[in-house]
């Protein structure tokens, strides 16, 4: 669910960013995400769970919201100059960062499958970057830096997610991020009202899909599987983004971007398949004996 909704949101975001500034986009995006979260919690009678927060939890969300603000600003700045699928492919670097940080901070073991996957991811990134245009090179650098920040944030969330509810985290994170972008936009003079109903509709789609459905789905996954697997499952996102962009925008990544992206995805598929095989051997005595 997280992969599909985020991909749809990326295509809506790409279209909206042709007409509005990145500060305005992010301010609306996370304000809508916060409003949808609050509305859903009210309708489902979980409003108390969503708004109840301790000072310690608030500081935790505030710290991560600042990190996410920087990462999202970089990502959507890149999206304004690159294909949705290309940005999604590059952001798969987050998996590599997450695996490395999980090994360092969470002591999650890095197995041979993950090492092989990391090599393929690096190869795919190199293919995309090789002789790329200035705009694409800029997008790669921005999304790569955003992936490092997001990977660090995901490892932190994994460490603390069990003592704050999904709705509470998403509501306060989106609210704080919207506030940060509104203040930053006012200070820089880059915040503007959106009066075009088509752009507002696109922002509504993006706001529901990415900061609400995408984030809720990913948080629920992280509660039940380890962080590496949660990241692996989301690797299908670029294919949904490419399909949605082709259908709604009539655009598609270049052959070099596709090859690089496929290498990146091959890396995460290798991780998943070899990891599943290793688990089967550990759980099946007959296979282990062979």
Protein backbone atom coordinates (compact mmCIF):
# COMPACT_ATOMS: atom_id res chain seq x y z
CA UNK A 1 0.00 0.00 0.00
CA UNK A 2 2.82 2.38 0.90
CA UNK A 3 4.61 1.78 -2.42
CA UNK A 4 1.51 2.18 -4.60
CA UNK A 5 0.10 5.28 -2.90
CA UNK A 6 3.49 7.00 -2.78
CA UNK A 7 3.98 6.36 -6.51
CA UNK A 8 0.58 7.88 -7.32
CA UNK A 9 1.39 10.84 -5.09
CA UNK A 10 4.70 11.39 -6.90
CA UNK A 11 2.96 11.75 -10.26
CA UNK A 12 0.45 14.23 -8.81
CA UNK A 13 3.35 16.10 -7.19
CA UNK A 14 5.30 16.25 -10.46
CA UNK A 15 2.37 17.91 -12.19
CA UNK A 16 1.74 20.37 -9.34
CA UNK A 17 5.41 21.38 -9.16
CA UNK A 18 5.23 22.71 -12.72
CA UNK A 19 3.06 25.55 -11.41
CA UNK A 20 4.08 26.18 -7.80
CA UNK A 21 7.25 26.65 -5.74
CA UNK A 22 8.74 23.83 -3.66
CA UNK A 23 8.07 25.72 -0.39
CA UNK A 24 4.40 26.18 -1.29
CA UNK A 25 4.13 22.56 -2.40
CA UNK A 26 5.55 21.16 0.85
CA UNK A 27 3.49 23.51 3.03
CA UNK A 28 0.25 22.38 1.38
CA UNK A 29 1.33 18.74 1.15
CA UNK A 30 1.94 18.27 4.87
CA UNK A 31 -0.93 20.51 5.95
CA UNK A 32 -3.28 18.29 3.93
CA UNK A 33 -1.59 15.19 5.37
CA UNK A 34 -2.15 16.49 8.92
CA UNK A 35 -5.79 17.42 8.21
CA UNK A 36 -6.55 14.01 6.68
CA UNK A 37 -4.93 12.22 9.63
CA UNK A 38 -6.93 14.33 12.12
CA UNK A 39 -10.16 13.78 10.18
CA UNK A 40 -9.66 10.02 9.94
CA UNK A 41 -8.85 9.80 13.66
CA UNK A 42 -12.03 11.77 14.49
CA UNK A 43 -14.27 9.62 12.29
CA UNK A 44 -12.77 6.37 13.63
CA UNK A 45 -13.04 7.68 17.21
CA UNK A 46 -9.30 7.45 17.75
CA UNK A 47 -8.80 11.18 18.24
CA UNK A 48 -7.54 10.72 21.79
CA UNK A 49 -4.85 8.30 20.59
CA UNK A 50 -3.85 10.73 17.83
CA UNK A 51 -3.53 13.94 19.85
CA UNK A 52 -2.28 12.58 23.19
CA UNK A 53 1.49 13.06 23.32
CA UNK A 54 4.13 13.41 26.04
CA UNK A 55 6.83 16.07 25.99
CA UNK A 56 9.44 13.38 25.31
CA UNK A 57 7.46 12.03 22.36
CA UNK A 58 6.94 15.55 21.02
CA UNK A 59 10.68 16.26 21.08
CA UNK A 60 11.26 12.96 19.27
CA UNK A 61 8.77 13.84 16.53
CA UNK A 62 10.10 17.40 16.30
CA UNK A 63 13.65 16.20 15.77
CA UNK A 64 12.60 13.79 13.02
CA UNK A 65 10.29 16.37 11.41
CA UNK A 66 13.25 18.73 10.93
CA UNK A 67 15.26 15.92 9.29
CA UNK A 68 12.32 14.96 7.06
CA UNK A 69 11.80 18.61 6.07
CA UNK A 70 15.33 18.84 4.71
CA UNK A 71 15.01 15.46 2.96
CA UNK A 72 11.61 16.25 1.43
CA UNK A 73 12.73 19.68 0.22
CA UNK A 74 15.65 18.00 -1.58
CA UNK A 75 13.46 15.24 -3.01
CA UNK A 76 10.73 17.51 -4.37
CA UNK A 77 13.28 20.00 -5.70
CA UNK A 78 14.73 17.08 -7.68
CA UNK A 79 11.25 15.94 -8.78
CA UNK A 80 10.67 19.32 -10.42
CA UNK A 81 13.52 18.53 -12.85
CA UNK A 82 13.32 14.72 -13.28
CA UNK A 83 10.86 11.95 -14.07
CA UNK A 84 8.82 10.59 -11.10
CA UNK A 85 10.10 7.05 -11.78
CA UNK A 86 13.70 8.30 -12.01
CA UNK A 87 13.44 10.07 -8.67
CA UNK A 88 11.83 6.96 -7.21
CA UNK A 89 14.61 4.77 -8.63
CA UNK A 90 17.32 7.01 -7.15
CA UNK A 91 15.58 7.15 -3.79
CA UNK A 92 16.02 3.36 -3.57
CA UNK A 93 19.45 4.36 -2.28
CA UNK A 94 17.59 4.76 0.99
CA UNK A 95 17.64 0.96 1.30
CA UNK A 96 21.43 0.89 1.12
CA UNK A 97 21.68 3.64 3.73
CA UNK A 98 19.08 1.93 5.93
CA UNK A 99 20.89 -1.43 5.83
CA UNK A 100 24.24 0.17 6.68
CA UNK A 101 22.80 2.31 9.49
CA UNK A 102 20.76 -0.61 10.85
CA UNK A 103 23.95 -2.67 11.01
CA UNK A 104 25.77 0.14 12.82
CA UNK A 105 23.12 1.38 15.24
CA UNK A 106 20.60 -1.48 15.59
CA UNK A 107 23.18 -4.27 15.34
CA UNK A 108 21.18 -5.93 12.55
CA UNK A 109 23.54 -8.29 10.81
CA UNK A 110 24.58 -7.51 7.23
CA UNK A 111 24.55 -10.82 5.34
CA UNK A 112 26.18 -11.68 1.97
CA UNK A 113 22.87 -11.12 0.16
CA UNK A 114 22.69 -7.56 1.44
CA UNK A 115 26.30 -6.92 0.47
CA UNK A 116 25.59 -8.18 -3.07
CA UNK A 117 22.50 -6.00 -3.20
CA UNK A 118 24.43 -2.94 -2.08
CA UNK A 119 26.97 -3.49 -4.88
CA UNK A 120 24.19 -3.67 -7.49
CA UNK A 121 22.53 -0.56 -6.07
CA UNK A 122 25.85 1.31 -6.30
CA UNK A 123 26.31 0.09 -9.89
CA UNK A 124 22.84 1.30 -10.86
CA UNK A 125 23.50 4.70 -9.34
CA UNK A 126 26.78 4.93 -11.28
CA UNK A 127 25.05 4.09 -14.59
CA UNK A 128 22.45 6.79 -13.99
CA UNK A 129 25.08 9.37 -13.07
CA UNK A 130 27.49 8.59 -15.93
CA UNK A 131 27.42 11.40 -18.54
CA UNK A 132 24.06 12.57 -17.21
CA UNK A 133 22.72 16.05 -17.94
CA UNK A 134 23.28 18.78 -15.37
CA UNK A 135 19.63 18.66 -14.26
CA UNK A 136 19.67 14.89 -13.84
CA UNK A 137 23.04 15.01 -12.05
CA UNK A 138 21.63 17.64 -9.72
CA UNK A 139 18.55 15.50 -9.09
CA UNK A 140 20.72 12.45 -8.33
CA UNK A 141 22.80 14.39 -5.79
CA UNK A 142 19.72 15.89 -4.12
CA UNK A 143 17.86 12.58 -3.85
CA UNK A 144 21.01 10.75 -2.69
CA UNK A 145 21.50 13.26 0.13
CA UNK A 146 17.79 13.03 0.97
CA UNK A 147 18.09 9.23 1.11
CA UNK A 148 20.91 9.46 3.64
CA UNK A 149 18.79 11.69 5.88
CA UNK A 150 15.69 9.53 5.41
CA UNK A 151 17.65 6.35 6.14
CA UNK A 152 18.94 7.86 9.36
CA UNK A 153 15.41 8.91 10.31
CA UNK A 154 13.98 5.43 9.55
CA UNK A 155 16.56 3.75 11.77
CA UNK A 156 15.67 6.18 14.57
CA UNK A 157 11.94 5.53 14.08
CA UNK A 158 12.52 1.77 14.19
CA UNK A 159 14.26 2.18 17.54
CA UNK A 160 11.41 4.18 19.14
CA UNK A 161 8.24 3.45 17.16
CA UNK A 162 6.74 1.11 19.76
CA UNK A 163 6.17 3.87 22.33
CA UNK A 164 4.17 6.23 20.08
CA UNK A 165 1.07 5.39 18.03
CA UNK A 166 1.09 5.55 14.22
CA UNK A 167 -1.63 8.20 14.08
CA UNK A 168 0.02 10.34 16.74
CA UNK A 169 3.39 10.23 15.00
CA UNK A 170 1.97 11.00 11.55
CA UNK A 171 -0.33 13.77 12.82
CA UNK A 172 2.37 15.66 14.71
CA UNK A 173 5.06 15.03 12.11
CA UNK A 174 2.89 16.39 9.29
CA UNK A 175 1.71 19.35 11.39
CA UNK A 176 5.24 20.33 12.41
CA UNK A 177 6.56 19.91 8.86
CA UNK A 178 3.73 22.06 7.46
CA UNK A 179 4.51 24.74 10.06
CA UNK A 180 8.22 24.67 9.23
CA UNK A 181 7.59 25.06 5.49
CA UNK A 182 5.03 27.84 6.04
CA UNK A 183 7.49 29.80 8.21
CA UNK A 184 10.39 29.15 5.81
CA UNK A 185 8.23 30.13 2.85
CA UNK A 186 7.13 33.39 4.50
CA UNK A 187 10.70 34.27 5.49
CA UNK A 188 12.04 33.64 1.98
CA UNK A 189 9.02 35.16 0.26
CA UNK A 190 8.40 31.94 -1.67
CA UNK A 191 5.07 30.95 -0.11
CA UNK A 192 1.92 31.64 -2.14
CA UNK A 193 -1.78 30.82 -2.11
CA UNK A 194 -3.04 28.21 -4.56
CA UNK A 195 -6.19 29.45 -6.26
CA UNK A 196 -6.21 27.04 -9.21
CA UNK A 197 -8.68 24.20 -8.48
CA UNK A 198 -6.75 21.74 -10.64
CA UNK A 199 -3.55 22.33 -8.65
CA UNK A 200 -5.53 22.10 -5.40
CA UNK A 201 -6.93 18.76 -6.56
CA UNK A 202 -3.44 17.48 -7.35
CA UNK A 203 -2.23 18.66 -3.92
CA UNK A 204 -5.14 16.84 -2.28
CA UNK A 205 -4.20 13.60 -4.07
CA UNK A 206 -0.53 14.03 -3.15
CA UNK A 207 -1.37 14.97 0.45
CA UNK A 208 -3.56 11.91 0.99
CA UNK A 209 -1.26 9.48 -0.81
CA UNK A 210 2.21 10.39 0.48
CA UNK A 211 2.28 11.91 4.00
CA UNK A 212 -0.81 9.94 5.12
CA UNK A 213 -1.40 6.58 3.38
CA UNK A 214 2.25 6.07 2.40
CA UNK A 215 3.57 6.86 5.87
CA UNK A 216 0.87 4.97 7.82
CA UNK A 217 1.40 1.86 5.69
CA UNK A 218 5.16 1.96 6.13
CA UNK A 219 4.95 2.48 9.92
CA UNK A 220 2.57 -0.48 10.28
CA UNK A 221 5.00 -2.63 8.27
CA UNK A 222 7.92 -1.59 10.50
CA UNK A 223 6.06 -2.83 13.58
CA UNK A 224 5.84 -6.37 12.20
CA UNK A 225 9.01 -6.91 10.16
CA UNK A 226 12.59 -5.71 10.54
CA UNK A 227 13.61 -2.42 8.97
CA UNK A 228 15.57 -4.03 6.12
CA UNK A 229 12.56 -6.03 4.94
CA UNK A 230 10.23 -3.04 5.27
CA UNK A 231 12.56 -1.08 3.00
CA UNK A 232 12.80 -3.97 0.53
CA UNK A 233 9.02 -4.25 0.07
CA UNK A 234 8.80 -0.59 -0.96
CA UNK A 235 11.23 -1.15 -3.85
CA UNK A 236 8.31 -1.84 -6.19
CA UNK A 237 7.43 1.86 -6.01
CA UNK A 238 9.42 3.01 -9.13
CA UNK A 239 7.47 0.64 -11.39
CA UNK A 240 4.14 2.01 -10.18
CA UNK A 241 5.51 5.55 -10.59
CA UNK A 242 6.65 4.80 -14.16
CA UNK A 243 3.27 3.28 -15.06
CA UNK A 244 1.32 6.17 -13.52
CA UNK A 245 3.54 8.78 -15.24
CA UNK A 246 3.10 7.04 -18.60
CA UNK A 247 -0.68 6.88 -18.20
CA UNK A 248 -1.32 10.35 -16.81
CA UNK A 249 1.65 12.40 -18.08
CA UNK A 250 2.68 10.50 -21.19
CA UNK A 251 6.33 10.53 -20.05
CA UNK A 252 8.86 7.79 -19.38
CA UNK A 253 12.49 7.64 -18.14
CA UNK A 254 15.35 7.46 -20.68
CA UNK A 255 16.94 4.05 -21.50
CA UNK A 256 20.01 4.87 -19.36
CA UNK A 257 17.82 5.82 -16.41
CA UNK A 258 15.83 2.60 -16.84
CA UNK A 259 19.00 0.45 -16.94
CA UNK A 260 20.39 2.15 -13.86
CA UNK A 261 17.04 1.85 -12.11
CA UNK A 262 16.74 -1.85 -12.97
CA UNK A 263 20.21 -2.48 -11.53
CA UNK A 264 19.14 -0.76 -8.33
CA UNK A 265 15.94 -2.81 -8.14
CA UNK A 266 17.91 -5.98 -9.01
CA UNK A 267 20.04 -5.25 -5.96
CA UNK A 268 17.07 -5.18 -3.61
CA UNK A 269 15.45 -8.20 -5.28
CA UNK A 270 18.70 -10.13 -4.77
CA UNK A 271 18.65 -9.16 -1.12
CA UNK A 272 15.05 -10.33 -0.73
CA UNK A 273 15.35 -13.62 -2.60
CA UNK A 274 18.64 -14.71 -1.03
CA UNK A 275 17.42 -13.68 2.40
CA UNK A 276 14.22 -15.75 1.96
CA UNK A 277 16.29 -18.74 0.85
CA UNK A 278 18.54 -18.43 3.89
CA UNK A 279 15.50 -18.27 6.19
CA UNK A 280 14.03 -21.38 4.55
CA UNK A 281 17.27 -23.28 5.16
CA UNK A 282 17.28 -22.24 8.80
CA UNK A 283 13.66 -23.29 9.33
CA UNK A 284 13.73 -26.54 7.28
CA UNK A 285 16.08 -29.19 8.76
CA UNK A 286 15.89 -31.25 5.55
CA UNK A 287 17.09 -28.35 3.43
CA UNK A 288 19.81 -27.50 5.97
CA UNK A 289 21.13 -31.05 5.97
CA UNK A 290 21.41 -31.04 2.20
